Amino acid sequence: MAKVQGAIVVDTDRCKGCEVCIPACPTEVIGLANEVNGKGYHYAYMANPDACIGCANCAIVCPDGVISVYKVKKVA
């Protein structure tokens, strides 16, 4: 049976690093990058990508709508 793996894509140029998405993630996937974007903000990224379940909580709470969530079927 195929397992569903989630993935997020963050528009790093638009992310303000507000950290609202971090506690919204039930599997602690998201972290803030050490690097900064063009506006000087530390942006969100997938710190633990293997744990993503594609629940989309991060995208729902993001005030700027910079997170896209995808689900991919993984064949075991």
N, C-alpha and C. Protein backbone atom coordinates (compact mmCIF):
# COMPACT_ATOMS: atom_id res chain seq x y z
N MET A 1 0.85 -1.19 0.00
CA MET A 1 0.00 0.00 0.00
C MET A 1 0.89 1.25 0.00
N ALA A 2 0.49 2.23 -0.75
CA ALA A 2 1.27 3.47 -0.86
C ALA A 2 1.08 4.34 0.39
N LYS A 3 2.16 4.93 0.81
CA LYS A 3 2.13 5.84 1.96
C LYS A 3 2.16 7.27 1.42
N VAL A 4 1.43 8.16 2.08
CA VAL A 4 1.41 9.55 1.64
C VAL A 4 2.48 10.34 2.37
N GLN A 5 3.31 11.01 1.62
CA GLN A 5 4.38 11.86 2.16
C GLN A 5 4.03 13.29 1.80
N GLY A 6 4.15 14.19 2.74
CA GLY A 6 3.88 15.59 2.47
C GLY A 6 5.16 16.35 2.18
N ALA A 7 4.98 17.52 1.60
CA ALA A 7 6.10 18.42 1.33
C ALA A 7 5.57 19.84 1.28
N ILE A 8 6.38 20.79 1.74
CA ILE A 8 5.98 22.18 1.64
C ILE A 8 7.00 22.94 0.79
N VAL A 9 6.51 23.97 0.15
CA VAL A 9 7.36 24.89 -0.60
C VAL A 9 7.07 26.28 -0.07
N VAL A 10 8.11 26.95 0.40
CA VAL A 10 7.98 28.29 0.96
C VAL A 10 8.51 29.30 -0.04
N ASP A 11 7.73 30.34 -0.30
CA ASP A 11 8.21 31.45 -1.13
C ASP A 11 9.16 32.25 -0.24
N THR A 12 10.44 31.92 -0.29
CA THR A 12 11.41 32.49 0.65
C THR A 12 11.58 33.99 0.48
N ASP A 13 11.32 34.49 -0.71
CA ASP A 13 11.44 35.94 -0.93
C ASP A 13 10.34 36.73 -0.22
N ARG A 14 9.19 36.10 -0.02
CA ARG A 14 8.06 36.79 0.61
C ARG A 14 7.90 36.45 2.10
N CYS A 15 8.54 35.42 2.59
CA CYS A 15 8.40 35.00 3.99
C CYS A 15 9.01 36.03 4.93
N LYS A 16 8.24 36.41 5.97
CA LYS A 16 8.69 37.40 6.95
C LYS A 16 9.32 36.77 8.19
N GLY A 17 9.30 35.45 8.26
CA GLY A 17 9.86 34.78 9.43
C GLY A 17 9.07 35.02 10.69
N CYS A 18 7.75 35.14 10.58
CA CYS A 18 6.91 35.45 11.75
C CYS A 18 6.79 34.28 12.71
N GLU A 19 7.13 33.07 12.27
CA GLU A 19 7.14 31.84 13.07
C GLU A 19 5.76 31.31 13.43
N VAL A 20 4.70 31.82 12.84
CA VAL A 20 3.36 31.32 13.14
C VAL A 20 3.20 29.87 12.69
N CYS A 21 3.87 29.50 11.61
CA CYS A 21 3.77 28.14 11.07
C CYS A 21 4.46 27.09 11.94
N ILE A 22 5.46 27.48 12.67
CA ILE A 22 6.26 26.51 13.42
C ILE A 22 5.44 25.77 14.49
N PRO A 23 4.73 26.46 15.38
CA PRO A 23 3.93 25.71 16.36
C PRO A 23 2.68 25.06 15.75
N ALA A 24 2.26 25.49 14.56
CA ALA A 24 1.09 24.90 13.91
C ALA A 24 1.38 23.52 13.36
N CYS A 25 2.65 23.19 13.16
CA CYS A 25 3.04 21.91 12.58
C CYS A 25 3.03 20.81 13.66
N PRO A 26 2.18 19.79 13.51
CA PRO A 26 2.10 18.73 14.53
C PRO A 26 3.31 17.80 14.55
N THR A 27 4.11 17.79 13.48
CA THR A 27 5.24 16.87 13.41
C THR A 27 6.59 17.59 13.45
N GLU A 28 6.59 18.85 13.80
CA GLU A 28 7.81 19.65 13.97
C GLU A 28 8.72 19.62 12.74
N VAL A 29 8.12 19.87 11.59
CA VAL A 29 8.85 19.85 10.32
C VAL A 29 9.55 21.18 10.04
N ILE A 30 8.93 22.29 10.44
CA ILE A 30 9.38 23.61 10.01
C ILE A 30 10.34 24.26 11.00
N GLY A 31 11.33 24.93 10.45
CA GLY A 31 12.28 25.72 11.23
C GLY A 31 12.57 27.01 10.50
N LEU A 32 13.33 27.88 11.13
CA LEU A 32 13.76 29.11 10.47
C LEU A 32 15.19 28.94 9.99
N ALA A 33 15.44 29.37 8.78
CA ALA A 33 16.77 29.25 8.18
C ALA A 33 17.75 30.22 8.85
N ASN A 34 19.00 29.85 8.87
CA ASN A 34 20.04 30.75 9.37
C ASN A 34 20.29 31.89 8.39
N GLU A 35 20.05 31.62 7.10
CA GLU A 35 20.22 32.64 6.07
C GLU A 35 19.04 33.60 6.09
N VAL A 36 19.20 34.74 5.48
CA VAL A 36 18.11 35.71 5.37
C VAL A 36 17.75 35.91 3.90
N ASN A 37 16.52 36.34 3.66
CA ASN A 37 16.09 36.62 2.29
C ASN A 37 16.46 38.05 1.92
N GLY A 38 16.02 38.51 0.77
CA GLY A 38 16.36 39.83 0.29
C GLY A 38 15.87 40.97 1.16
N LYS A 39 14.86 40.68 1.99
CA LYS A 39 14.32 41.70 2.88
C LYS A 39 14.95 41.66 4.27
N GLY A 40 15.85 40.72 4.47
CA GLY A 40 16.55 40.62 5.75
C GLY A 40 15.87 39.74 6.79
N TYR A 41 14.90 38.94 6.38
CA TYR A 41 14.18 38.06 7.30
C TYR A 41 14.72 36.64 7.22
N HIS A 42 14.78 35.97 8.37
CA HIS A 42 15.04 34.53 8.40
C HIS A 42 13.74 33.87 7.95
N TYR A 43 13.79 33.04 6.94
CA TYR A 43 12.58 32.46 6.36
C TYR A 43 12.36 31.03 6.84
N ALA A 44 11.12 30.57 6.72
CA ALA A 44 10.76 29.20 7.11
C ALA A 44 11.26 28.22 6.05
N TYR A 45 11.58 27.02 6.50
CA TYR A 45 11.99 25.95 5.59
C TYR A 45 11.71 24.60 6.23
N MET A 46 11.81 23.53 5.45
CA MET A 46 11.58 22.18 5.98
C MET A 46 12.83 21.68 6.69
N ALA A 47 12.87 21.81 7.99
CA ALA A 47 14.01 21.38 8.78
C ALA A 47 14.03 19.86 8.93
N ASN A 48 12.86 19.23 8.91
CA ASN A 48 12.75 17.78 9.09
C ASN A 48 11.79 17.25 8.01
N PRO A 49 12.19 17.23 6.74
CA PRO A 49 11.28 16.90 5.65
C PRO A 49 10.66 15.51 5.69
N ASP A 50 11.34 14.54 6.26
CA ASP A 50 10.80 13.18 6.30
C ASP A 50 9.59 13.05 7.21
N ALA A 51 9.38 14.00 8.10
CA ALA A 51 8.27 13.93 9.04
C ALA A 51 6.99 14.59 8.52
N CYS A 52 7.06 15.25 7.39
CA CYS A 52 5.90 15.99 6.87
C CYS A 52 4.78 15.03 6.45
N ILE A 53 3.58 15.29 6.94
CA ILE A 53 2.41 14.47 6.61
C ILE A 53 1.46 15.18 5.66
N GLY A 54 1.78 16.41 5.27
CA GLY A 54 0.96 17.15 4.32
C GLY A 54 -0.36 17.63 4.88
N CYS A 55 -0.42 17.92 6.16
CA CYS A 55 -1.67 18.32 6.80
C CYS A 55 -2.13 19.73 6.41
N ALA A 56 -1.21 20.57 5.96
CA ALA A 56 -1.47 21.95 5.51
C ALA A 56 -1.78 22.93 6.63
N ASN A 57 -1.56 22.55 7.88
CA ASN A 57 -1.77 23.50 8.98
C ASN A 57 -0.90 24.74 8.81
N CYS A 58 0.32 24.56 8.36
CA CYS A 58 1.24 25.69 8.19
C CYS A 58 0.71 26.68 7.15
N ALA A 59 0.21 26.16 6.04
CA ALA A 59 -0.32 27.02 4.98
C ALA A 59 -1.58 27.75 5.43
N ILE A 60 -2.39 27.10 6.24
CA ILE A 60 -3.63 27.70 6.72
C ILE A 60 -3.35 28.88 7.63
N VAL A 61 -2.37 28.76 8.52
CA VAL A 61 -2.11 29.83 9.49
C VAL A 61 -1.17 30.91 8.97
N CYS A 62 -0.50 30.68 7.83
CA CYS A 62 0.44 31.66 7.31
C CYS A 62 -0.29 32.95 6.93
N PRO A 63 0.04 34.07 7.58
CA PRO A 63 -0.67 35.32 7.30
C PRO A 63 -0.39 35.90 5.92
N ASP A 64 0.70 35.49 5.29
CA ASP A 64 1.05 36.02 3.98
C ASP A 64 0.82 35.03 2.84
N GLY A 65 0.37 33.83 3.16
CA GLY A 65 0.08 32.83 2.14
C GLY A 65 1.28 32.42 1.31
N VAL A 66 2.44 32.29 1.94
CA VAL A 66 3.66 31.97 1.20
C VAL A 66 4.02 30.48 1.23
N ILE A 67 3.17 29.65 1.84
CA ILE A 67 3.47 28.22 1.95
C ILE A 67 2.49 27.43 1.09
N SER A 68 3.03 26.57 0.23
CA SER A 68 2.24 25.64 -0.57
C SER A 68 2.53 24.24 -0.05
N VAL A 69 1.49 23.42 0.05
CA VAL A 69 1.63 22.06 0.58
C VAL A 69 1.29 21.07 -0.51
N TYR A 70 2.10 20.03 -0.62
CA TYR A 70 1.90 18.98 -1.61
C TYR A 70 1.90 17.62 -0.92
N LYS A 71 1.14 16.69 -1.51
CA LYS A 71 1.15 15.31 -1.02
C LYS A 71 1.60 14.41 -2.17
N VAL A 72 2.51 13.49 -1.84
CA VAL A 72 3.07 12.59 -2.83
C VAL A 72 2.91 11.17 -2.30
N LYS A 73 2.46 10.26 -3.15
CA LYS A 73 2.36 8.86 -2.75
C LYS A 73 3.73 8.22 -2.86
N LYS A 74 4.19 7.61 -1.77
CA LYS A 74 5.46 6.90 -1.74
C LYS A 74 5.16 5.41 -1.76
N VAL A 75 5.78 4.70 -2.66
CA VAL A 75 5.61 3.25 -2.73
C VAL A 75 6.68 2.63 -1.86
N ALA A 76 6.25 1.78 -0.93
CA ALA A 76 7.17 1.17 0.01
C ALA A 76 8.00 0.07 -0.59
